């Protein structure tokens, strides 16, 4: 195990990139660390949409962890995610 410190923004980006590649975060980082090129399984526009959704979801999780929670934004993000995945 190799512990790595990243900012919340970097963590969200890594998670989004792993999702785009269809990999777990661990597998995504292992492949990058081994020098493999990791390709997204989505088109550029889908990738942008998913990254934006991932960032929004990460921000909502941070608010929820601080005790602030409103389910409406979360439902909106889930709806956006469904649209991207169904296209």
N, C-alpha and C. Protein backbone atom coordinates (compact mmCIF):
# COMPACT_ATOMS: atom_id res chain seq x y z
N UNK A 1 0.84 -1.18 0.00
CA UNK A 1 0.00 0.00 0.00
C UNK A 1 0.89 1.24 0.00
N UNK A 2 0.52 2.22 -0.81
CA UNK A 2 1.25 3.48 -0.90
C UNK A 2 0.27 4.61 -0.56
N UNK A 3 0.37 5.16 0.64
CA UNK A 3 -0.53 6.27 0.98
C UNK A 3 -0.14 7.54 0.23
N UNK A 4 -1.12 8.20 -0.32
CA UNK A 4 -0.89 9.43 -1.09
C UNK A 4 -1.87 10.48 -0.61
N UNK A 5 -1.38 11.69 -0.39
CA UNK A 5 -2.25 12.79 0.02
C UNK A 5 -2.63 13.61 -1.20
N UNK A 6 -3.91 13.87 -1.32
CA UNK A 6 -4.41 14.70 -2.41
C UNK A 6 -5.46 15.65 -1.85
N UNK A 7 -5.68 16.74 -2.55
CA UNK A 7 -6.73 17.68 -2.15
C UNK A 7 -8.09 17.07 -2.50
N UNK A 8 -9.15 17.67 -1.97
CA UNK A 8 -10.50 17.20 -2.31
C UNK A 8 -10.74 17.31 -3.81
N UNK A 9 -10.25 18.39 -4.39
CA UNK A 9 -10.42 18.61 -5.84
C UNK A 9 -9.68 17.52 -6.62
N UNK A 10 -8.45 17.23 -6.22
CA UNK A 10 -7.67 16.18 -6.90
C UNK A 10 -8.35 14.82 -6.73
N UNK A 11 -8.85 14.57 -5.53
CA UNK A 11 -9.53 13.30 -5.27
C UNK A 11 -10.75 13.14 -6.17
N UNK A 12 -11.52 14.22 -6.29
CA UNK A 12 -12.70 14.19 -7.16
C UNK A 12 -12.29 13.93 -8.61
N UNK A 13 -11.20 14.56 -9.05
CA UNK A 13 -10.73 14.39 -10.43
C UNK A 13 -10.26 12.95 -10.66
N UNK A 14 -9.53 12.39 -9.71
CA UNK A 14 -9.05 11.01 -9.84
C UNK A 14 -10.24 10.05 -9.91
N UNK A 15 -11.22 10.26 -9.03
CA UNK A 15 -12.40 9.40 -9.04
C UNK A 15 -13.16 9.51 -10.36
N UNK A 16 -13.30 10.74 -10.84
CA UNK A 16 -14.01 10.95 -12.11
C UNK A 16 -13.26 10.27 -13.26
N UNK A 17 -11.94 10.39 -13.28
CA UNK A 17 -11.14 9.76 -14.34
C UNK A 17 -11.25 8.24 -14.28
N UNK A 18 -11.26 7.69 -13.07
CA UNK A 18 -11.40 6.24 -12.92
C UNK A 18 -12.76 5.78 -13.45
N UNK A 19 -13.80 6.52 -13.12
CA UNK A 19 -15.15 6.18 -13.61
C UNK A 19 -15.17 6.24 -15.13
N UNK A 20 -14.57 7.27 -15.69
CA UNK A 20 -14.55 7.41 -17.15
C UNK A 20 -13.83 6.25 -17.83
N UNK A 21 -12.84 5.70 -17.14
CA UNK A 21 -12.09 4.57 -17.70
C UNK A 21 -12.76 3.24 -17.38
N UNK A 22 -13.81 3.27 -16.56
CA UNK A 22 -14.49 2.03 -16.19
C UNK A 22 -13.70 1.21 -15.20
N UNK A 23 -12.90 1.89 -14.36
CA UNK A 23 -12.03 1.20 -13.41
C UNK A 23 -12.29 1.69 -11.99
N UNK A 24 -11.88 0.87 -11.02
CA UNK A 24 -11.88 1.35 -9.64
C UNK A 24 -10.74 2.36 -9.51
N UNK A 25 -10.79 3.18 -8.47
CA UNK A 25 -9.72 4.15 -8.25
C UNK A 25 -8.39 3.42 -8.08
N UNK A 26 -8.39 2.32 -7.32
CA UNK A 26 -7.15 1.56 -7.10
C UNK A 26 -6.57 1.04 -8.41
N UNK A 27 -7.42 0.44 -9.23
CA UNK A 27 -6.93 -0.10 -10.51
C UNK A 27 -6.46 1.01 -11.43
N UNK A 28 -7.19 2.12 -11.44
CA UNK A 28 -6.81 3.27 -12.26
C UNK A 28 -5.41 3.75 -11.87
N UNK A 29 -5.17 3.94 -10.56
CA UNK A 29 -3.87 4.43 -10.10
C UNK A 29 -2.77 3.40 -10.32
N UNK A 30 -3.08 2.10 -10.16
CA UNK A 30 -2.09 1.06 -10.43
C UNK A 30 -1.63 1.10 -11.88
N UNK A 31 -2.59 1.23 -12.78
CA UNK A 31 -2.24 1.26 -14.21
C UNK A 31 -1.41 2.50 -14.55
N UNK A 32 -1.80 3.65 -14.00
CA UNK A 32 -1.01 4.86 -14.24
C UNK A 32 0.40 4.71 -13.67
N UNK A 33 0.48 4.17 -12.46
CA UNK A 33 1.77 3.99 -11.80
C UNK A 33 2.68 3.03 -12.54
N UNK A 34 2.09 2.07 -13.24
CA UNK A 34 2.87 1.10 -14.01
C UNK A 34 3.23 1.63 -15.40
N UNK A 35 2.81 2.87 -15.68
CA UNK A 35 3.16 3.48 -16.95
C UNK A 35 2.22 3.17 -18.10
N UNK A 36 1.08 2.56 -17.79
CA UNK A 36 0.11 2.25 -18.84
C UNK A 36 -0.72 3.48 -19.17
N UNK A 37 -1.11 3.59 -20.41
CA UNK A 37 -2.01 4.66 -20.82
C UNK A 37 -3.43 4.20 -20.51
N UNK A 38 -4.17 5.01 -19.76
CA UNK A 38 -5.54 4.67 -19.40
C UNK A 38 -6.47 5.52 -20.24
N UNK A 39 -7.26 4.86 -21.06
CA UNK A 39 -8.16 5.58 -21.96
C UNK A 39 -9.58 5.59 -21.40
N UNK A 40 -10.23 6.71 -21.61
CA UNK A 40 -11.63 6.83 -21.20
C UNK A 40 -12.49 5.98 -22.12
N UNK A 41 -13.53 5.43 -21.56
CA UNK A 41 -14.45 4.65 -22.40
C UNK A 41 -15.61 5.51 -22.88
N UNK A 42 -15.54 6.82 -22.62
CA UNK A 42 -16.57 7.75 -23.03
C UNK A 42 -16.00 8.77 -24.01
N UNK A 43 -16.86 9.41 -24.77
CA UNK A 43 -16.46 10.49 -25.67
C UNK A 43 -16.14 11.74 -24.85
N UNK A 44 -15.49 12.72 -25.49
CA UNK A 44 -15.06 13.93 -24.78
C UNK A 44 -16.22 14.67 -24.12
N UNK A 45 -17.33 14.81 -24.82
CA UNK A 45 -18.47 15.54 -24.25
C UNK A 45 -19.04 14.80 -23.04
N UNK A 46 -19.15 13.48 -23.15
CA UNK A 46 -19.63 12.68 -22.02
C UNK A 46 -18.66 12.79 -20.85
N UNK A 47 -17.38 12.80 -21.16
CA UNK A 47 -16.36 12.92 -20.12
C UNK A 47 -16.51 14.24 -19.38
N UNK A 48 -16.67 15.33 -20.11
CA UNK A 48 -16.85 16.65 -19.47
C UNK A 48 -18.08 16.64 -18.57
N UNK A 49 -19.16 16.07 -19.08
CA UNK A 49 -20.39 16.01 -18.30
C UNK A 49 -20.20 15.21 -17.02
N UNK A 50 -19.56 14.06 -17.13
CA UNK A 50 -19.34 13.22 -15.96
C UNK A 50 -18.38 13.87 -14.96
N UNK A 51 -17.36 14.54 -15.45
CA UNK A 51 -16.43 15.22 -14.55
C UNK A 51 -17.14 16.32 -13.78
N UNK A 52 -17.99 17.07 -14.46
CA UNK A 52 -18.75 18.12 -13.79
C UNK A 52 -19.69 17.54 -12.75
N UNK A 53 -20.34 16.44 -13.10
CA UNK A 53 -21.24 15.78 -12.16
C UNK A 53 -20.45 15.25 -10.97
N UNK A 54 -19.30 14.66 -11.23
CA UNK A 54 -18.46 14.14 -10.14
C UNK A 54 -18.01 15.23 -9.20
N UNK A 55 -17.64 16.37 -9.74
CA UNK A 55 -17.22 17.50 -8.91
C UNK A 55 -18.38 17.99 -8.06
N UNK A 56 -19.56 18.12 -8.67
CA UNK A 56 -20.74 18.54 -7.91
C UNK A 56 -21.09 17.55 -6.82
N UNK A 57 -21.00 16.27 -7.13
CA UNK A 57 -21.31 15.24 -6.15
C UNK A 57 -20.32 15.28 -4.99
N UNK A 58 -19.05 15.50 -5.29
CA UNK A 58 -18.04 15.59 -4.24
C UNK A 58 -18.31 16.79 -3.33
N UNK A 59 -18.71 17.91 -3.91
CA UNK A 59 -19.03 19.10 -3.11
C UNK A 59 -20.24 18.83 -2.22
N UNK A 60 -21.25 18.14 -2.75
CA UNK A 60 -22.42 17.80 -1.94
C UNK A 60 -22.03 16.87 -0.79
N UNK A 61 -21.14 15.92 -1.05
CA UNK A 61 -20.69 15.02 0.01
C UNK A 61 -19.97 15.79 1.10
N UNK A 62 -19.16 16.77 0.71
CA UNK A 62 -18.46 17.60 1.70
C UNK A 62 -19.45 18.37 2.55
N UNK A 63 -20.49 18.95 1.94
CA UNK A 63 -21.53 19.66 2.69
C UNK A 63 -22.27 18.71 3.62
N UNK A 64 -22.59 17.53 3.14
CA UNK A 64 -23.31 16.56 3.96
C UNK A 64 -22.48 16.15 5.17
N UNK A 65 -21.17 16.00 4.97
CA UNK A 65 -20.28 15.64 6.07
C UNK A 65 -20.18 16.74 7.11
N UNK A 66 -20.46 17.98 6.71
CA UNK A 66 -20.44 19.11 7.65
C UNK A 66 -21.80 19.32 8.30
N UNK A 67 -22.77 18.49 7.94
CA UNK A 67 -24.08 18.59 8.55
C UNK A 67 -25.09 19.39 7.74
N UNK A 68 -24.69 19.90 6.59
CA UNK A 68 -25.61 20.64 5.72
C UNK A 68 -26.06 19.68 4.61
N UNK A 69 -27.34 19.47 4.51
CA UNK A 69 -27.79 18.55 3.47
C UNK A 69 -29.14 18.98 2.92
N UNK A 70 -29.21 19.03 1.61
CA UNK A 70 -30.45 19.32 0.91
C UNK A 70 -30.54 18.30 -0.22
N UNK A 71 -31.57 17.48 -0.21
CA UNK A 71 -31.61 16.39 -1.19
C UNK A 71 -31.89 16.84 -2.62
N UNK A 72 -32.44 18.03 -2.82
CA UNK A 72 -32.78 18.48 -4.18
C UNK A 72 -31.56 18.52 -5.11
N UNK A 73 -30.43 19.16 -4.69
CA UNK A 73 -29.27 19.16 -5.59
C UNK A 73 -28.76 17.74 -5.90
N UNK A 74 -28.84 16.86 -4.93
CA UNK A 74 -28.40 15.49 -5.15
C UNK A 74 -29.29 14.79 -6.18
N UNK A 75 -30.59 15.00 -6.08
CA UNK A 75 -31.51 14.41 -7.05
C UNK A 75 -31.27 14.97 -8.45
N UNK A 76 -30.94 16.26 -8.54
CA UNK A 76 -30.63 16.86 -9.84
C UNK A 76 -29.39 16.22 -10.46
N UNK A 77 -28.37 16.01 -9.63
CA UNK A 77 -27.12 15.40 -10.11
C UNK A 77 -27.37 13.96 -10.56
N UNK A 78 -28.15 13.23 -9.80
CA UNK A 78 -28.46 11.85 -10.19
C UNK A 78 -29.21 11.81 -11.52
N UNK A 79 -30.09 12.77 -11.73
CA UNK A 79 -30.83 12.84 -13.00
C UNK A 79 -29.87 13.13 -14.16
N UNK A 80 -28.92 14.04 -13.95
CA UNK A 80 -27.92 14.35 -14.98
C UNK A 80 -27.09 13.11 -15.29
N UNK A 81 -26.70 12.41 -14.25
CA UNK A 81 -25.88 11.21 -14.42
C UNK A 81 -26.63 10.15 -15.22
N UNK A 82 -27.91 9.96 -14.94
CA UNK A 82 -28.73 9.00 -15.69
C UNK A 82 -28.77 9.36 -17.17
N UNK A 83 -28.93 10.65 -17.47
CA UNK A 83 -29.00 11.09 -18.87
C UNK A 83 -27.70 10.78 -19.60
N UNK A 84 -26.56 11.06 -18.95
CA UNK A 84 -25.26 10.82 -19.59
C UNK A 84 -25.06 9.33 -19.82
N UNK A 85 -25.38 8.52 -18.83
CA UNK A 85 -25.15 7.08 -18.95
C UNK A 85 -26.10 6.42 -19.95
N UNK A 86 -27.28 6.99 -20.16
CA UNK A 86 -28.23 6.42 -21.10
C UNK A 86 -27.96 6.86 -22.54
N UNK A 87 -27.17 7.90 -22.73
CA UNK A 87 -26.91 8.39 -24.09
C UNK A 87 -25.86 7.57 -24.81
